[in-house]
Amino acid sequence: MPSYVLKASPDESEDLYGIYSTIVDAFTFVGTREEIHTEFTGRGRHPMEVNALIAHADALGSSCGIADDQFQVWYGWAEKTVTIGEGPGCGELPRKNLSAYLRAIEAHNLDAAAALVISDQEEPDER
C-alpha cells in the first residue's frame, strides 16, 4: 500500500506526523516521530528507509515526491490542501489545518477533525 509520512507543521518543536495512504486518500496512523518509526518498521520497512522518509517529511513536509523535470513534493509545505477521501471529513483539508486535524484524530474527536475539511459542496473560500 503506498503510504507516505506528512509532518503536521514546519514548526521544529512540533513532533506530530501522519501516515497518509494514497489508496484511501486518508491518514491511517497519527503519532510522534518515534511512533511513526515503530509503525513503519512494524509494517516491514527497513529502519534506515523509515529514517529517510521522516527526514524528507521534516525538510519538505512530506516524504512523497517524484523526480521529473523538476522535483515535485506532494502534500508538502507549498501545497494548499490535502485530499481527504475517507475518514473524518471528505474533501480538501487546508494544509495549514493539518496539525489541528491530526491532533483531533489523535484525541478521537472525529467531529472536530471533519469540521476542518472543506467538503465537495463548499466553496474553498468558505474556510
N, C-alpha and C. Protein backbone atom coordinates (compact mmCIF):
# COMPACT_ATOMS: atom_id res chain seq x y z
N MET A 1 0.84 -1.17 0.00
CA MET A 1 0.00 0.00 0.00
C MET A 1 0.89 1.23 0.00
N PRO A 2 0.73 2.14 -0.97
CA PRO A 2 1.55 3.36 -0.99
C PRO A 2 1.16 4.29 0.15
N SER A 3 2.07 4.47 1.08
CA SER A 3 1.84 5.34 2.22
C SER A 3 3.04 6.26 2.39
N TYR A 4 2.75 7.48 2.82
CA TYR A 4 3.77 8.49 2.96
C TYR A 4 3.66 9.17 4.31
N VAL A 5 4.75 9.75 4.76
CA VAL A 5 4.78 10.48 6.01
C VAL A 5 4.56 11.96 5.72
N LEU A 6 3.61 12.56 6.41
CA LEU A 6 3.41 14.01 6.34
C LEU A 6 3.66 14.58 7.72
N LYS A 7 4.46 15.63 7.77
CA LYS A 7 4.70 16.33 9.04
C LYS A 7 3.59 17.35 9.20
N ALA A 8 3.09 17.46 10.43
CA ALA A 8 1.94 18.32 10.69
C ALA A 8 2.22 19.79 10.40
N SER A 9 3.39 20.26 10.78
CA SER A 9 3.71 21.68 10.56
C SER A 9 5.23 21.84 10.45
N PRO A 10 5.64 22.96 9.86
CA PRO A 10 7.09 23.19 9.75
C PRO A 10 7.75 23.56 11.08
N ASP A 11 6.96 23.77 12.11
CA ASP A 11 7.48 24.09 13.44
C ASP A 11 8.31 22.92 13.95
N GLU A 12 9.60 23.15 14.14
CA GLU A 12 10.51 22.07 14.55
C GLU A 12 10.17 21.51 15.91
N SER A 13 9.52 22.30 16.75
CA SER A 13 9.19 21.81 18.10
C SER A 13 7.95 20.92 18.11
N GLU A 14 7.20 20.90 17.01
CA GLU A 14 6.00 20.06 16.96
C GLU A 14 6.36 18.67 16.43
N ASP A 15 6.22 17.68 17.29
CA ASP A 15 6.56 16.29 16.97
C ASP A 15 5.27 15.54 16.65
N LEU A 16 4.68 15.85 15.48
CA LEU A 16 3.42 15.24 15.07
C LEU A 16 3.46 14.94 13.59
N TYR A 17 3.16 13.70 13.26
CA TYR A 17 3.21 13.21 11.89
C TYR A 17 1.99 12.36 11.61
N GLY A 18 1.68 12.19 10.34
CA GLY A 18 0.62 11.27 9.95
C GLY A 18 1.12 10.39 8.81
N ILE A 19 0.64 9.15 8.79
CA ILE A 19 0.90 8.27 7.65
C ILE A 19 -0.32 8.38 6.74
N TYR A 20 -0.10 8.83 5.52
CA TYR A 20 -1.17 9.09 4.56
C TYR A 20 -1.15 8.00 3.50
N SER A 21 -2.31 7.39 3.28
CA SER A 21 -2.44 6.34 2.27
C SER A 21 -3.06 6.91 1.00
N THR A 22 -2.42 6.66 -0.12
CA THR A 22 -2.97 7.11 -1.40
C THR A 22 -4.05 6.16 -1.90
N ILE A 23 -4.20 5.02 -1.26
CA ILE A 23 -5.27 4.09 -1.63
C ILE A 23 -6.62 4.65 -1.19
N VAL A 24 -6.69 5.15 0.03
CA VAL A 24 -7.95 5.68 0.56
C VAL A 24 -7.96 7.20 0.67
N ASP A 25 -6.85 7.84 0.32
CA ASP A 25 -6.72 9.30 0.47
C ASP A 25 -7.10 9.73 1.88
N ALA A 26 -6.43 9.10 2.83
CA ALA A 26 -6.71 9.41 4.24
C ALA A 26 -5.51 9.01 5.09
N PHE A 27 -5.54 9.47 6.32
CA PHE A 27 -4.49 9.12 7.27
C PHE A 27 -4.82 7.79 7.93
N THR A 28 -3.85 6.91 7.96
CA THR A 28 -4.05 5.59 8.56
C THR A 28 -3.37 5.48 9.92
N PHE A 29 -2.55 6.48 10.26
CA PHE A 29 -1.86 6.46 11.54
C PHE A 29 -1.41 7.88 11.86
N VAL A 30 -1.50 8.25 13.14
CA VAL A 30 -1.04 9.55 13.61
C VAL A 30 -0.15 9.31 14.82
N GLY A 31 0.98 10.01 14.88
CA GLY A 31 1.85 9.84 16.03
C GLY A 31 3.08 10.72 15.99
N THR A 32 3.93 10.51 16.96
CA THR A 32 5.20 11.22 17.05
C THR A 32 6.20 10.59 16.08
N ARG A 33 7.35 11.20 15.97
CA ARG A 33 8.42 10.66 15.13
C ARG A 33 8.72 9.21 15.53
N GLU A 34 8.86 8.97 16.82
CA GLU A 34 9.18 7.63 17.31
C GLU A 34 8.05 6.64 17.00
N GLU A 35 6.81 7.07 17.18
CA GLU A 35 5.67 6.19 16.90
C GLU A 35 5.55 5.88 15.40
N ILE A 36 5.81 6.88 14.56
CA ILE A 36 5.80 6.66 13.10
C ILE A 36 6.88 5.65 12.74
N HIS A 37 8.05 5.80 13.33
CA HIS A 37 9.16 4.88 13.06
C HIS A 37 8.76 3.45 13.44
N THR A 38 8.19 3.30 14.62
CA THR A 38 7.76 1.97 15.10
C THR A 38 6.69 1.38 14.19
N GLU A 39 5.73 2.21 13.79
CA GLU A 39 4.64 1.73 12.92
C GLU A 39 5.17 1.25 11.57
N PHE A 40 6.02 2.06 10.93
CA PHE A 40 6.54 1.68 9.62
C PHE A 40 7.46 0.46 9.68
N THR A 41 8.31 0.37 10.70
CA THR A 41 9.18 -0.81 10.80
C THR A 41 8.34 -2.05 11.10
N GLY A 42 7.24 -1.86 11.84
CA GLY A 42 6.32 -2.97 12.08
C GLY A 42 5.63 -3.44 10.82
N ARG A 43 5.55 -2.58 9.83
CA ARG A 43 4.97 -2.94 8.53
C ARG A 43 6.02 -3.55 7.59
N GLY A 44 7.23 -3.74 8.13
CA GLY A 44 8.26 -4.40 7.34
C GLY A 44 9.25 -3.47 6.65
N ARG A 45 9.13 -2.17 6.87
CA ARG A 45 10.08 -1.24 6.27
C ARG A 45 11.39 -1.27 7.05
N HIS A 46 12.50 -1.14 6.34
CA HIS A 46 13.82 -1.12 6.98
C HIS A 46 13.98 0.17 7.78
N PRO A 47 14.56 0.10 8.98
CA PRO A 47 14.71 1.31 9.81
C PRO A 47 15.42 2.47 9.11
N MET A 48 16.43 2.18 8.30
CA MET A 48 17.13 3.27 7.59
C MET A 48 16.21 3.94 6.57
N GLU A 49 15.35 3.15 5.92
CA GLU A 49 14.39 3.71 4.97
C GLU A 49 13.40 4.61 5.70
N VAL A 50 12.94 4.16 6.87
CA VAL A 50 12.00 4.95 7.65
C VAL A 50 12.65 6.25 8.11
N ASN A 51 13.90 6.19 8.53
CA ASN A 51 14.62 7.41 8.91
C ASN A 51 14.65 8.40 7.76
N ALA A 52 14.88 7.90 6.55
CA ALA A 52 14.93 8.76 5.36
C ALA A 52 13.56 9.37 5.07
N LEU A 53 12.49 8.58 5.22
CA LEU A 53 11.14 9.10 4.99
C LEU A 53 10.82 10.23 5.97
N ILE A 54 11.16 10.02 7.23
CA ILE A 54 10.88 11.04 8.24
C ILE A 54 11.73 12.29 8.00
N ALA A 55 12.99 12.11 7.64
CA ALA A 55 13.86 13.26 7.34
C ALA A 55 13.31 14.06 6.16
N HIS A 56 12.82 13.36 5.15
CA HIS A 56 12.22 14.02 3.99
C HIS A 56 10.99 14.83 4.43
N ALA A 57 10.15 14.22 5.28
CA ALA A 57 8.96 14.92 5.77
C ALA A 57 9.35 16.14 6.61
N ASP A 58 10.40 16.01 7.41
CA ASP A 58 10.87 17.14 8.21
C ASP A 58 11.29 18.30 7.32
N ALA A 59 12.00 17.99 6.26
CA ALA A 59 12.54 19.02 5.38
C ALA A 59 11.51 19.63 4.44
N LEU A 60 10.61 18.79 3.90
CA LEU A 60 9.72 19.23 2.84
C LEU A 60 8.24 19.18 3.18
N GLY A 61 7.91 18.61 4.35
CA GLY A 61 6.51 18.48 4.74
C GLY A 61 5.93 17.13 4.40
N SER A 62 6.57 16.41 3.48
CA SER A 62 6.05 15.13 3.02
C SER A 62 7.20 14.26 2.54
N SER A 63 7.06 12.96 2.73
CA SER A 63 8.05 12.03 2.20
C SER A 63 7.73 11.63 0.78
N CYS A 64 6.62 12.13 0.24
CA CYS A 64 6.16 11.76 -1.09
C CYS A 64 6.63 12.77 -2.12
N GLY A 65 7.36 12.28 -3.08
CA GLY A 65 7.81 13.17 -4.14
C GLY A 65 8.22 12.38 -5.36
N ILE A 66 8.22 13.05 -6.48
CA ILE A 66 8.67 12.43 -7.72
C ILE A 66 9.72 13.33 -8.37
N ALA A 67 10.65 12.70 -9.00
CA ALA A 67 11.67 13.46 -9.73
C ALA A 67 11.33 13.40 -11.21
N ASP A 68 11.01 14.53 -11.78
CA ASP A 68 10.82 14.63 -13.22
C ASP A 68 11.66 15.82 -13.67
N ASP A 69 11.14 16.65 -14.54
CA ASP A 69 11.91 17.83 -14.95
C ASP A 69 12.31 18.67 -13.74
N GLN A 70 11.42 18.75 -12.80
CA GLN A 70 11.72 19.41 -11.53
C GLN A 70 11.12 18.54 -10.43
N PHE A 71 11.78 18.49 -9.30
CA PHE A 71 11.32 17.63 -8.22
C PHE A 71 10.01 18.18 -7.67
N GLN A 72 8.98 17.34 -7.58
CA GLN A 72 7.70 17.73 -7.03
C GLN A 72 7.46 17.00 -5.72
N VAL A 73 6.95 17.71 -4.75
CA VAL A 73 6.59 17.11 -3.47
C VAL A 73 5.08 17.19 -3.34
N TRP A 74 4.45 16.05 -3.12
CA TRP A 74 3.00 16.03 -2.92
C TRP A 74 2.69 16.22 -1.46
N TYR A 75 1.79 17.15 -1.18
CA TYR A 75 1.32 17.46 0.16
C TYR A 75 2.41 18.01 1.07
N GLY A 76 3.40 18.65 0.49
CA GLY A 76 4.46 19.30 1.24
C GLY A 76 4.03 20.69 1.69
N TRP A 77 5.02 21.45 2.16
CA TRP A 77 4.73 22.78 2.71
C TRP A 77 4.06 23.70 1.70
N ALA A 78 4.37 23.59 0.43
CA ALA A 78 3.84 24.52 -0.57
C ALA A 78 2.40 24.21 -0.99
N GLU A 79 1.92 23.01 -0.68
CA GLU A 79 0.57 22.63 -1.08
C GLU A 79 -0.47 23.42 -0.29
N LYS A 80 -1.56 23.76 -0.94
CA LYS A 80 -2.64 24.48 -0.28
C LYS A 80 -3.56 23.52 0.48
N THR A 81 -3.76 22.30 -0.05
CA THR A 81 -4.69 21.36 0.57
C THR A 81 -4.14 19.93 0.52
N VAL A 82 -4.75 19.09 1.34
CA VAL A 82 -4.53 17.64 1.34
C VAL A 82 -5.89 17.01 1.09
N THR A 83 -5.98 16.11 0.13
CA THR A 83 -7.24 15.45 -0.18
C THR A 83 -7.58 14.42 0.89
N ILE A 84 -8.80 14.51 1.40
CA ILE A 84 -9.29 13.54 2.36
C ILE A 84 -10.45 12.81 1.69
N GLY A 85 -10.24 11.53 1.37
CA GLY A 85 -11.26 10.74 0.69
C GLY A 85 -12.09 9.91 1.64
N GLU A 86 -11.50 9.53 2.75
CA GLU A 86 -12.20 8.74 3.77
C GLU A 86 -11.74 9.21 5.14
N GLY A 87 -12.48 8.80 6.14
CA GLY A 87 -12.12 9.20 7.49
C GLY A 87 -12.88 10.43 7.89
N PRO A 88 -12.41 11.13 8.92
CA PRO A 88 -13.12 12.34 9.33
C PRO A 88 -13.12 13.37 8.20
N GLY A 89 -14.29 13.69 7.71
CA GLY A 89 -14.41 14.63 6.61
C GLY A 89 -14.17 13.97 5.27
N CYS A 90 -14.61 14.63 4.25
CA CYS A 90 -14.37 14.16 2.89
C CYS A 90 -14.32 15.39 2.00
N GLY A 91 -13.16 15.65 1.42
CA GLY A 91 -12.97 16.84 0.61
C GLY A 91 -11.52 17.29 0.67
N GLU A 92 -11.31 18.57 0.82
CA GLU A 92 -9.97 19.14 0.86
C GLU A 92 -9.69 19.74 2.23
N LEU A 93 -8.59 19.30 2.83
CA LEU A 93 -8.14 19.84 4.11
C LEU A 93 -7.09 20.90 3.84
N PRO A 94 -7.33 22.15 4.25
CA PRO A 94 -6.28 23.16 4.08
C PRO A 94 -5.01 22.70 4.80
N ARG A 95 -3.88 22.74 4.11
CA ARG A 95 -2.61 22.25 4.67
C ARG A 95 -2.29 22.95 5.98
N LYS A 96 -2.68 24.22 6.09
CA LYS A 96 -2.41 24.97 7.32
C LYS A 96 -3.18 24.39 8.51
N ASN A 97 -4.20 23.59 8.27
CA ASN A 97 -5.01 22.98 9.33
C ASN A 97 -4.61 21.54 9.63
N LEU A 98 -3.54 21.06 9.00
CA LEU A 98 -3.16 19.66 9.18
C LEU A 98 -2.84 19.33 10.63
N SER A 99 -2.14 20.20 11.32
CA SER A 99 -1.80 19.94 12.70
C SER A 99 -3.05 19.77 13.56
N ALA A 100 -4.00 20.68 13.42
CA ALA A 100 -5.25 20.60 14.19
C ALA A 100 -6.04 19.34 13.82
N TYR A 101 -6.03 18.99 12.54
CA TYR A 101 -6.73 17.79 12.07
C TYR A 101 -6.13 16.53 12.69
N LEU A 102 -4.81 16.41 12.65
CA LEU A 102 -4.15 15.23 13.22
C LEU A 102 -4.32 15.17 14.73
N ARG A 103 -4.26 16.31 15.40
CA ARG A 103 -4.47 16.33 16.85
C ARG A 103 -5.91 15.90 17.20
N ALA A 104 -6.87 16.34 16.40
CA ALA A 104 -8.26 15.94 16.63
C ALA A 104 -8.42 14.42 16.44
N ILE A 105 -7.80 13.87 15.42
CA ILE A 105 -7.85 12.41 15.21
C ILE A 105 -7.20 11.70 16.39
N GLU A 106 -6.05 12.20 16.80
CA GLU A 106 -5.32 11.60 17.92
C GLU A 106 -6.17 11.59 19.20
N ALA A 107 -6.99 12.63 19.37
CA ALA A 107 -7.85 12.75 20.55
C ALA A 107 -9.21 12.05 20.34
N HIS A 108 -9.37 11.38 19.21
CA HIS A 108 -10.62 10.69 18.86
C HIS A 108 -11.80 11.65 18.77
N ASN A 109 -11.52 12.91 18.41
CA ASN A 109 -12.55 13.91 18.22
C ASN A 109 -12.79 14.05 16.71
N LEU A 110 -13.49 13.07 16.17
CA LEU A 110 -13.67 13.00 14.72
C LEU A 110 -14.54 14.12 14.18
N ASP A 111 -15.49 14.62 14.98
CA ASP A 111 -16.31 15.74 14.53
C ASP A 111 -15.46 16.99 14.34
N ALA A 112 -14.53 17.23 15.28
CA ALA A 112 -13.65 18.40 15.16
C ALA A 112 -12.73 18.26 13.95
N ALA A 113 -12.24 17.05 13.70
CA ALA A 113 -11.39 16.82 12.52
C ALA A 113 -12.19 17.07 11.25
N ALA A 114 -13.39 16.50 11.17
CA ALA A 114 -14.21 16.65 9.98
C ALA A 114 -14.57 18.11 9.70
N ALA A 115 -14.75 18.89 10.77
CA ALA A 115 -15.11 20.31 10.60
C ALA A 115 -14.01 21.12 9.92
N LEU A 116 -12.79 20.61 9.92
CA LEU A 116 -11.67 21.31 9.29
C LEU A 116 -11.57 21.05 7.79
N VAL A 117 -12.29 20.06 7.30
CA VAL A 117 -12.23 19.66 5.89
C VAL A 117 -13.28 20.42 5.09
N ILE A 118 -12.87 20.94 3.95
CA ILE A 118 -13.80 21.63 3.06
C ILE A 118 -14.45 20.56 2.19
N SER A 119 -15.76 20.38 2.37
CA SER A 119 -16.45 19.34 1.62
C SER A 119 -16.56 19.73 0.15
N ASP A 120 -16.89 18.75 -0.66
CA ASP A 120 -17.03 18.99 -2.09
C ASP A 120 -18.16 19.96 -2.40
N GLN A 121 -19.10 20.12 -1.45
CA GLN A 121 -20.24 21.01 -1.67
C GLN A 121 -19.93 22.45 -1.28
N GLU A 122 -18.85 22.68 -0.55
CA GLU A 122 -18.50 24.03 -0.11
C GLU A 122 -17.59 24.70 -1.12
N GLU A 123 -17.61 26.00 -1.10
CA GLU A 123 -16.66 26.77 -1.89
C GLU A 123 -15.37 26.87 -1.09
N PRO A 124 -14.19 26.75 -1.73
CA PRO A 124 -12.92 26.79 -1.00
C PRO A 124 -12.73 28.03 -0.14
N ASP A 125 -13.28 29.17 -0.53
CA ASP A 125 -13.08 30.38 0.25
C ASP A 125 -14.00 30.45 1.47
N GLU A 126 -14.84 29.42 1.68
CA GLU A 126 -15.71 29.39 2.85
C GLU A 126 -14.94 29.08 4.12
N ARG A 127 -13.69 28.62 4.03
CA ARG A 127 -12.89 28.32 5.22
C ARG A 127 -11.75 29.28 5.27
